[in-house]
């Protein structure tokens, strides 16, 4: 079920979206998770130890060279089933109105999500990870090595 299906809660504010976009992004794969709807998807990556699979399109296989040496990766993904017009939201777990940019909500003008995931193993063009909070078949934007700040 899409974020848009949930409608607008009392106290929420929407905005009219621009008629066109100017970002040209390439989805480089899909993310496979056990969650098929928002109700059972974790609200935070730390809420689950589920193993998820980041599937990279074969054309990008060479770009994975060396990633197996990482303990963690930054996964950027596109929350394709989210509303994009909410500017003020009433989150279910807060119950208090907040601006979209003050929330981790998937409902945002550009539904880009970021998680730092623990890399368990690399199997060809598949990365097995723990630490994601997205629905099954979510489009993948990018992967980067994660290095803890010192």
N, C-alpha and C. Protein backbone atom coordinates (compact mmCIF):
# COMPACT_ATOMS: atom_id res chain seq x y z
N UNK A 1 0.85 -1.18 0.00
CA UNK A 1 0.00 0.00 0.00
C UNK A 1 0.89 1.23 0.00
N UNK A 2 0.57 2.19 -0.79
CA UNK A 2 1.42 3.37 -0.91
C UNK A 2 1.15 4.37 0.20
N UNK A 3 2.15 5.20 0.46
CA UNK A 3 2.01 6.28 1.44
C UNK A 3 0.82 7.15 1.08
N UNK A 4 0.61 7.40 -0.22
CA UNK A 4 -0.49 8.25 -0.66
C UNK A 4 -1.84 7.65 -0.27
N UNK A 5 -1.92 6.34 -0.13
CA UNK A 5 -3.15 5.67 0.23
C UNK A 5 -3.61 6.07 1.63
N UNK A 6 -2.70 6.42 2.49
CA UNK A 6 -3.04 6.77 3.86
C UNK A 6 -3.70 8.13 3.97
N UNK A 7 -3.64 8.94 2.94
CA UNK A 7 -4.29 10.24 2.95
C UNK A 7 -3.58 11.25 3.84
N UNK A 8 -4.27 12.34 4.12
CA UNK A 8 -3.72 13.43 4.92
C UNK A 8 -4.40 13.39 6.28
N UNK A 9 -3.61 13.35 7.36
CA UNK A 9 -4.16 13.33 8.72
C UNK A 9 -4.58 14.74 9.13
N UNK A 10 -5.45 14.82 10.10
CA UNK A 10 -5.86 16.11 10.64
C UNK A 10 -4.63 16.88 11.12
N UNK A 11 -4.52 18.13 10.70
CA UNK A 11 -3.39 18.96 11.10
C UNK A 11 -2.25 18.96 10.11
N UNK A 12 -2.28 18.06 9.12
CA UNK A 12 -1.21 18.01 8.13
C UNK A 12 -1.47 19.02 7.02
N UNK A 13 -0.39 19.45 6.38
CA UNK A 13 -0.47 20.46 5.33
C UNK A 13 0.22 19.93 4.09
N UNK A 14 -0.40 20.12 2.93
CA UNK A 14 0.21 19.72 1.66
C UNK A 14 0.56 20.96 0.85
N UNK A 15 1.36 20.75 -0.18
CA UNK A 15 1.76 21.82 -1.08
C UNK A 15 1.60 21.29 -2.51
N UNK A 16 1.33 22.17 -3.46
CA UNK A 16 1.26 21.74 -4.86
C UNK A 16 2.68 21.49 -5.36
N UNK A 17 2.87 20.35 -5.99
CA UNK A 17 4.20 19.99 -6.48
C UNK A 17 4.49 20.66 -7.82
N UNK A 18 5.79 20.93 -8.11
CA UNK A 18 6.15 21.49 -9.42
C UNK A 18 5.72 20.53 -10.53
N UNK A 19 5.52 21.07 -11.72
CA UNK A 19 5.05 20.24 -12.83
C UNK A 19 6.16 19.37 -13.43
N UNK A 20 7.41 19.67 -13.12
CA UNK A 20 8.51 18.87 -13.67
C UNK A 20 9.66 18.83 -12.66
N UNK A 21 10.56 17.90 -12.89
CA UNK A 21 11.74 17.80 -12.04
C UNK A 21 12.98 17.98 -12.92
N UNK A 22 14.09 18.29 -12.29
CA UNK A 22 15.30 18.49 -13.09
C UNK A 22 16.44 17.55 -12.69
N UNK A 23 16.22 16.66 -11.75
CA UNK A 23 17.25 15.70 -11.37
C UNK A 23 17.15 14.47 -12.27
N UNK A 24 18.25 14.03 -12.76
CA UNK A 24 18.28 12.84 -13.60
C UNK A 24 19.04 11.76 -12.84
N UNK A 25 18.30 10.92 -12.14
CA UNK A 25 18.88 9.87 -11.32
C UNK A 25 18.73 8.53 -12.03
N UNK A 26 19.67 7.64 -11.78
CA UNK A 26 19.59 6.28 -12.31
C UNK A 26 19.41 5.34 -11.14
N UNK A 27 18.41 4.49 -11.20
CA UNK A 27 18.29 3.44 -10.21
C UNK A 27 19.31 2.37 -10.58
N UNK A 28 20.14 1.99 -9.63
CA UNK A 28 21.21 1.03 -9.91
C UNK A 28 20.86 -0.37 -9.45
N UNK A 29 19.66 -0.56 -8.94
CA UNK A 29 19.22 -1.86 -8.49
C UNK A 29 17.97 -1.74 -7.65
N UNK A 30 17.69 -2.81 -6.92
CA UNK A 30 16.51 -2.86 -6.04
C UNK A 30 16.93 -3.46 -4.70
N UNK A 31 16.16 -3.13 -3.68
CA UNK A 31 16.42 -3.67 -2.35
C UNK A 31 15.34 -4.68 -2.03
N UNK A 32 15.75 -5.87 -1.60
CA UNK A 32 14.81 -6.93 -1.22
C UNK A 32 14.75 -6.99 0.30
N UNK A 33 13.55 -6.82 0.83
CA UNK A 33 13.33 -6.86 2.27
C UNK A 33 12.12 -7.73 2.57
N UNK A 34 11.91 -8.09 3.83
CA UNK A 34 10.73 -8.88 4.18
C UNK A 34 9.44 -8.06 4.28
N UNK A 35 9.52 -6.73 4.11
CA UNK A 35 8.37 -5.87 4.37
C UNK A 35 7.69 -5.43 3.07
N UNK A 36 6.41 -5.75 2.95
CA UNK A 36 5.67 -5.41 1.74
C UNK A 36 4.69 -4.26 1.94
N UNK A 37 4.46 -3.85 3.18
CA UNK A 37 3.61 -2.69 3.42
C UNK A 37 4.15 -1.87 4.59
N UNK A 38 3.76 -0.64 4.63
CA UNK A 38 4.29 0.32 5.59
C UNK A 38 3.99 -0.07 7.03
N UNK A 39 2.87 -0.72 7.26
CA UNK A 39 2.48 -1.05 8.63
C UNK A 39 3.45 -2.00 9.32
N UNK A 40 4.09 -2.91 8.57
CA UNK A 40 5.01 -3.84 9.23
C UNK A 40 6.48 -3.49 9.00
N UNK A 41 6.75 -2.42 8.28
CA UNK A 41 8.12 -1.98 8.03
C UNK A 41 8.64 -1.21 9.25
N UNK A 42 9.87 -1.48 9.68
CA UNK A 42 10.41 -0.74 10.82
C UNK A 42 10.45 0.76 10.54
N UNK A 43 10.26 1.56 11.57
CA UNK A 43 10.30 3.02 11.42
C UNK A 43 11.73 3.53 11.51
N UNK A 44 12.63 2.68 11.94
CA UNK A 44 14.04 3.04 12.12
C UNK A 44 14.87 1.80 11.82
N UNK A 45 16.01 1.94 11.13
CA UNK A 45 16.81 0.77 10.78
C UNK A 45 17.28 -0.05 11.98
N UNK A 46 17.38 0.56 13.14
CA UNK A 46 17.84 -0.17 14.33
C UNK A 46 16.76 -1.03 14.95
N UNK A 47 15.54 -0.95 14.44
CA UNK A 47 14.43 -1.72 15.01
C UNK A 47 14.41 -3.17 14.55
N UNK A 48 15.26 -3.55 13.62
CA UNK A 48 15.20 -4.90 13.06
C UNK A 48 16.59 -5.44 12.78
N UNK A 49 16.72 -6.73 12.97
CA UNK A 49 17.95 -7.44 12.61
C UNK A 49 17.73 -8.28 11.34
N UNK A 50 16.68 -7.98 10.61
CA UNK A 50 16.37 -8.74 9.40
C UNK A 50 17.48 -8.58 8.37
N UNK A 51 17.84 -9.69 7.73
CA UNK A 51 18.82 -9.64 6.65
C UNK A 51 18.10 -9.22 5.38
N UNK A 52 18.61 -8.18 4.75
CA UNK A 52 18.05 -7.66 3.50
C UNK A 52 19.09 -7.83 2.40
N UNK A 53 18.65 -7.84 1.17
CA UNK A 53 19.56 -8.01 0.04
C UNK A 53 19.48 -6.79 -0.86
N UNK A 54 20.63 -6.19 -1.09
CA UNK A 54 20.75 -5.07 -2.01
C UNK A 54 21.18 -5.68 -3.34
N UNK A 55 20.29 -5.65 -4.32
CA UNK A 55 20.57 -6.26 -5.63
C UNK A 55 20.99 -5.17 -6.61
N UNK A 56 22.22 -5.27 -7.09
CA UNK A 56 22.79 -4.30 -8.02
C UNK A 56 22.56 -4.79 -9.45
N UNK A 57 22.17 -3.89 -10.33
CA UNK A 57 22.03 -4.23 -11.75
C UNK A 57 23.39 -4.71 -12.25
N UNK A 58 23.46 -5.80 -13.02
CA UNK A 58 24.73 -6.36 -13.48
C UNK A 58 25.66 -5.35 -14.18
N UNK A 59 25.12 -4.33 -14.83
CA UNK A 59 25.98 -3.35 -15.51
C UNK A 59 26.90 -2.63 -14.53
N UNK A 60 26.55 -2.60 -13.23
CA UNK A 60 27.33 -1.88 -12.22
C UNK A 60 28.24 -2.82 -11.43
N UNK A 61 28.36 -4.09 -11.85
CA UNK A 61 29.14 -5.07 -11.09
C UNK A 61 30.57 -4.60 -10.83
N UNK A 62 31.24 -4.03 -11.81
CA UNK A 62 32.63 -3.58 -11.63
C UNK A 62 32.74 -2.51 -10.55
N UNK A 63 31.68 -1.75 -10.33
CA UNK A 63 31.69 -0.69 -9.32
C UNK A 63 31.72 -1.26 -7.90
N UNK A 64 31.46 -2.56 -7.75
CA UNK A 64 31.48 -3.19 -6.44
C UNK A 64 32.88 -3.64 -6.01
N UNK A 65 33.85 -3.53 -6.90
CA UNK A 65 35.21 -3.99 -6.58
C UNK A 65 35.70 -3.33 -5.29
N UNK A 66 36.04 -4.13 -4.31
CA UNK A 66 36.57 -3.64 -3.04
C UNK A 66 35.54 -3.45 -1.95
N UNK A 67 34.26 -3.47 -2.30
CA UNK A 67 33.23 -3.22 -1.28
C UNK A 67 33.19 -4.32 -0.22
N UNK A 68 33.66 -5.51 -0.58
CA UNK A 68 33.65 -6.63 0.37
C UNK A 68 34.54 -6.37 1.58
N UNK A 69 35.46 -5.42 1.48
CA UNK A 69 36.34 -5.11 2.61
C UNK A 69 35.67 -4.18 3.62
N UNK A 70 34.50 -3.67 3.31
CA UNK A 70 33.78 -2.76 4.21
C UNK A 70 33.01 -3.55 5.27
N UNK A 71 32.95 -3.00 6.47
CA UNK A 71 32.10 -3.60 7.50
C UNK A 71 30.68 -3.04 7.41
N UNK A 72 30.57 -1.80 6.94
CA UNK A 72 29.28 -1.12 6.81
C UNK A 72 29.25 -0.35 5.49
N UNK A 73 28.05 -0.18 4.96
CA UNK A 73 27.88 0.62 3.75
C UNK A 73 26.72 1.61 3.97
N UNK A 74 26.84 2.75 3.33
CA UNK A 74 25.75 3.72 3.30
C UNK A 74 24.89 3.35 2.09
N UNK A 75 23.62 3.14 2.33
CA UNK A 75 22.70 2.76 1.26
C UNK A 75 21.73 3.93 1.06
N UNK A 76 21.70 4.45 -0.16
CA UNK A 76 20.78 5.53 -0.51
C UNK A 76 19.70 4.95 -1.41
N UNK A 77 18.46 5.20 -1.06
CA UNK A 77 17.37 4.62 -1.83
C UNK A 77 16.22 5.59 -1.99
N UNK A 78 15.35 5.29 -2.96
CA UNK A 78 14.25 6.16 -3.35
C UNK A 78 12.95 5.55 -2.83
N UNK A 79 12.31 6.22 -1.91
CA UNK A 79 11.06 5.73 -1.32
C UNK A 79 9.92 5.99 -2.31
N UNK A 80 9.84 5.14 -3.31
CA UNK A 80 8.96 5.35 -4.46
C UNK A 80 7.46 5.29 -4.16
N UNK A 81 7.08 4.78 -3.01
CA UNK A 81 5.65 4.69 -2.68
C UNK A 81 5.21 5.75 -1.67
N UNK A 82 6.00 6.80 -1.53
CA UNK A 82 5.73 7.84 -0.54
C UNK A 82 5.01 9.04 -1.14
N UNK A 83 4.26 9.73 -0.29
CA UNK A 83 3.69 11.02 -0.67
C UNK A 83 4.83 12.00 -0.83
N UNK A 84 4.66 12.98 -1.70
CA UNK A 84 5.71 13.98 -1.91
C UNK A 84 5.21 15.39 -1.65
N UNK A 85 3.97 15.53 -1.26
CA UNK A 85 3.38 16.86 -1.13
C UNK A 85 3.17 17.34 0.31
N UNK A 86 3.53 16.55 1.32
CA UNK A 86 3.32 16.95 2.71
C UNK A 86 4.44 17.87 3.18
N UNK A 87 4.07 19.02 3.74
CA UNK A 87 5.08 19.93 4.31
C UNK A 87 4.98 19.97 5.83
N UNK A 88 3.80 19.69 6.38
CA UNK A 88 3.60 19.54 7.82
C UNK A 88 2.93 18.19 8.02
N UNK A 89 3.48 17.39 8.94
CA UNK A 89 2.97 16.05 9.16
C UNK A 89 2.62 15.85 10.63
N UNK A 90 1.77 14.86 10.89
CA UNK A 90 1.43 14.45 12.24
C UNK A 90 1.81 12.97 12.35
N UNK A 91 3.06 12.69 12.72
CA UNK A 91 3.51 11.30 12.79
C UNK A 91 2.71 10.48 13.81
N UNK A 92 2.44 9.24 13.46
CA UNK A 92 1.68 8.37 14.36
C UNK A 92 2.37 8.18 15.70
N UNK A 93 3.69 8.13 15.71
CA UNK A 93 4.39 7.87 16.97
C UNK A 93 4.64 9.13 17.80
N UNK A 94 4.42 10.33 17.24
CA UNK A 94 4.53 11.59 17.99
C UNK A 94 3.15 12.13 18.33
N UNK A 95 2.29 12.20 17.30
CA UNK A 95 0.98 12.80 17.47
C UNK A 95 1.03 14.32 17.50
N UNK A 96 2.18 14.87 17.24
CA UNK A 96 2.39 16.32 17.29
C UNK A 96 2.84 16.80 15.91
N UNK A 97 2.29 17.92 15.46
CA UNK A 97 2.63 18.46 14.13
C UNK A 97 4.11 18.82 14.07
N UNK A 98 4.74 18.42 12.96
CA UNK A 98 6.14 18.77 12.72
C UNK A 98 6.35 18.99 11.24
N UNK A 99 7.31 19.84 10.91
CA UNK A 99 7.66 20.05 9.51
C UNK A 99 8.35 18.82 8.94
N UNK A 100 8.14 18.58 7.67
CA UNK A 100 8.72 17.42 7.01
C UNK A 100 10.23 17.34 7.20
N UNK A 101 10.93 18.48 7.16
CA UNK A 101 12.39 18.45 7.27
C UNK A 101 12.87 18.21 8.70
N UNK A 102 11.94 18.11 9.65
CA UNK A 102 12.28 17.78 11.04
C UNK A 102 11.96 16.32 11.35
N UNK A 103 11.68 15.54 10.32
CA UNK A 103 11.29 14.14 10.49
C UNK A 103 12.09 13.23 9.57
N UNK A 104 12.14 11.93 9.94
CA UNK A 104 12.72 10.92 9.07
C UNK A 104 11.65 10.28 8.18
N UNK A 105 10.48 10.81 8.19
CA UNK A 105 9.35 10.27 7.44
C UNK A 105 9.71 10.05 5.97
N UNK A 106 9.17 8.98 5.37
CA UNK A 106 9.39 8.79 3.94
C UNK A 106 8.63 9.80 3.08
N UNK A 107 7.64 10.47 3.65
CA UNK A 107 6.87 11.48 2.91
C UNK A 107 7.67 12.77 2.89
N UNK A 108 8.22 13.09 1.71
CA UNK A 108 9.04 14.30 1.55
C UNK A 108 9.11 14.66 0.08
N UNK A 109 9.48 15.90 -0.24
CA UNK A 109 9.51 16.32 -1.65
C UNK A 109 10.37 15.42 -2.53
N UNK A 110 11.52 15.04 -2.04
CA UNK A 110 12.40 14.10 -2.74
C UNK A 110 12.62 12.94 -1.78
N UNK A 111 11.91 11.84 -1.97
CA UNK A 111 11.93 10.76 -0.99
C UNK A 111 13.21 9.92 -1.02
N UNK A 112 14.32 10.60 -0.75
CA UNK A 112 15.62 9.93 -0.68
C UNK A 112 15.84 9.49 0.76
N UNK A 113 16.17 8.23 0.94
CA UNK A 113 16.43 7.70 2.27
C UNK A 113 17.88 7.24 2.34
N UNK A 114 18.41 7.25 3.55
CA UNK A 114 19.79 6.87 3.78
C UNK A 114 19.84 5.99 5.02
N UNK A 115 20.53 4.88 4.93
CA UNK A 115 20.76 4.01 6.08
C UNK A 115 22.20 3.54 6.05
N UNK A 116 22.79 3.44 7.23
CA UNK A 116 24.09 2.81 7.37
C UNK A 116 23.80 1.36 7.73
N UNK A 117 24.18 0.44 6.85
CA UNK A 117 23.86 -0.97 7.04
C UNK A 117 25.14 -1.77 7.28
N UNK A 118 25.02 -2.79 8.13
CA UNK A 118 26.15 -3.70 8.38
C UNK A 118 26.22 -4.68 7.21
N UNK A 119 27.38 -4.74 6.58
CA UNK A 119 27.58 -5.63 5.43
C UNK A 119 27.97 -7.01 5.93
N UNK A 120 27.15 -8.00 5.64
CA UNK A 120 27.42 -9.37 6.06
C UNK A 120 28.28 -10.11 5.04
N UNK A 121 27.91 -9.95 3.76
CA UNK A 121 28.66 -10.63 2.70
C UNK A 121 28.26 -10.06 1.35
N UNK A 122 29.12 -10.33 0.36
CA UNK A 122 28.85 -9.94 -1.02
C UNK A 122 28.79 -11.23 -1.83
N UNK A 123 27.73 -11.39 -2.60
CA UNK A 123 27.55 -12.57 -3.46
C UNK A 123 27.32 -12.08 -4.88
N UNK A 124 28.39 -11.88 -5.62
CA UNK A 124 28.27 -11.35 -6.98
C UNK A 124 27.78 -9.92 -6.95
N UNK A 125 26.57 -9.69 -7.45
CA UNK A 125 26.00 -8.34 -7.45
C UNK A 125 24.96 -8.16 -6.34
N UNK A 126 25.04 -9.02 -5.34
CA UNK A 126 24.10 -8.95 -4.22
C UNK A 126 24.87 -8.69 -2.93
N UNK A 127 24.42 -7.70 -2.18
CA UNK A 127 25.00 -7.39 -0.89
C UNK A 127 23.99 -7.78 0.18
N UNK A 128 24.39 -8.64 1.09
CA UNK A 128 23.52 -9.03 2.20
C UNK A 128 23.85 -8.12 3.38
N UNK A 129 22.84 -7.42 3.88
CA UNK A 129 23.06 -6.40 4.90
C UNK A 129 22.01 -6.49 6.00
N UNK A 130 22.32 -5.85 7.12
CA UNK A 130 21.37 -5.66 8.22
C UNK A 130 21.33 -4.17 8.50
N UNK A 131 20.12 -3.63 8.68
CA UNK A 131 20.01 -2.23 9.05
C UNK A 131 19.25 -1.37 8.06
N UNK A 132 18.27 -1.94 7.37
CA UNK A 132 17.47 -1.14 6.43
C UNK A 132 16.03 -1.03 6.95
N UNK A 133 15.35 0.00 6.48
CA UNK A 133 13.95 0.23 6.89
C UNK A 133 13.12 0.64 5.69
N UNK A 134 13.11 -0.20 4.67
CA UNK A 134 12.36 0.14 3.45
C UNK A 134 11.55 -1.07 2.99
N UNK A 135 10.62 -0.79 2.11
CA UNK A 135 9.75 -1.84 1.58
C UNK A 135 10.47 -2.67 0.52
N UNK A 136 9.99 -3.88 0.34
CA UNK A 136 10.55 -4.78 -0.67
C UNK A 136 10.47 -4.14 -2.06
N UNK A 137 11.51 -4.31 -2.82
CA UNK A 137 11.66 -3.82 -4.20
C UNK A 137 11.85 -2.31 -4.28
N UNK A 138 12.31 -1.69 -3.20
CA UNK A 138 12.60 -0.25 -3.21
C UNK A 138 13.75 0.02 -4.17
N UNK A 139 13.65 1.05 -5.02
CA UNK A 139 14.74 1.39 -5.94
C UNK A 139 15.99 1.87 -5.21
N UNK A 140 17.13 1.39 -5.67
CA UNK A 140 18.43 1.73 -5.09
C UNK A 140 19.07 2.88 -5.87
N UNK A 141 19.53 3.91 -5.15
CA UNK A 141 20.20 5.05 -5.79
C UNK A 141 21.71 4.93 -5.76
N UNK A 142 22.28 4.52 -4.63
CA UNK A 142 23.74 4.50 -4.51
C UNK A 142 24.16 3.70 -3.29
N UNK A 143 25.42 3.29 -3.30
CA UNK A 143 26.06 2.63 -2.16
C UNK A 143 27.41 3.31 -1.97
N UNK A 144 27.75 3.57 -0.73
CA UNK A 144 29.05 4.17 -0.43
C UNK A 144 29.65 3.45 0.77
N UNK A 145 30.97 3.38 0.85
CA UNK A 145 31.57 2.78 2.04
C UNK A 145 31.32 3.68 3.24
N UNK A 146 31.11 3.08 4.40
CA UNK A 146 30.93 3.85 5.63
C UNK A 146 32.18 3.71 6.48
N UNK A 147 32.72 4.82 6.87
CA UNK A 147 33.87 4.84 7.77
C UNK A 147 33.49 5.67 8.98
N UNK A 148 33.53 5.08 10.16
CA UNK A 148 33.19 5.81 11.38
C UNK A 148 34.17 6.96 11.57
N UNK A 149 33.65 8.09 11.98
CA UNK A 149 34.52 9.25 12.24
C UNK A 149 35.41 8.95 13.44
N UNK A 150 36.61 9.49 13.39
CA UNK A 150 37.52 9.27 14.52
C UNK A 150 37.79 10.56 15.24
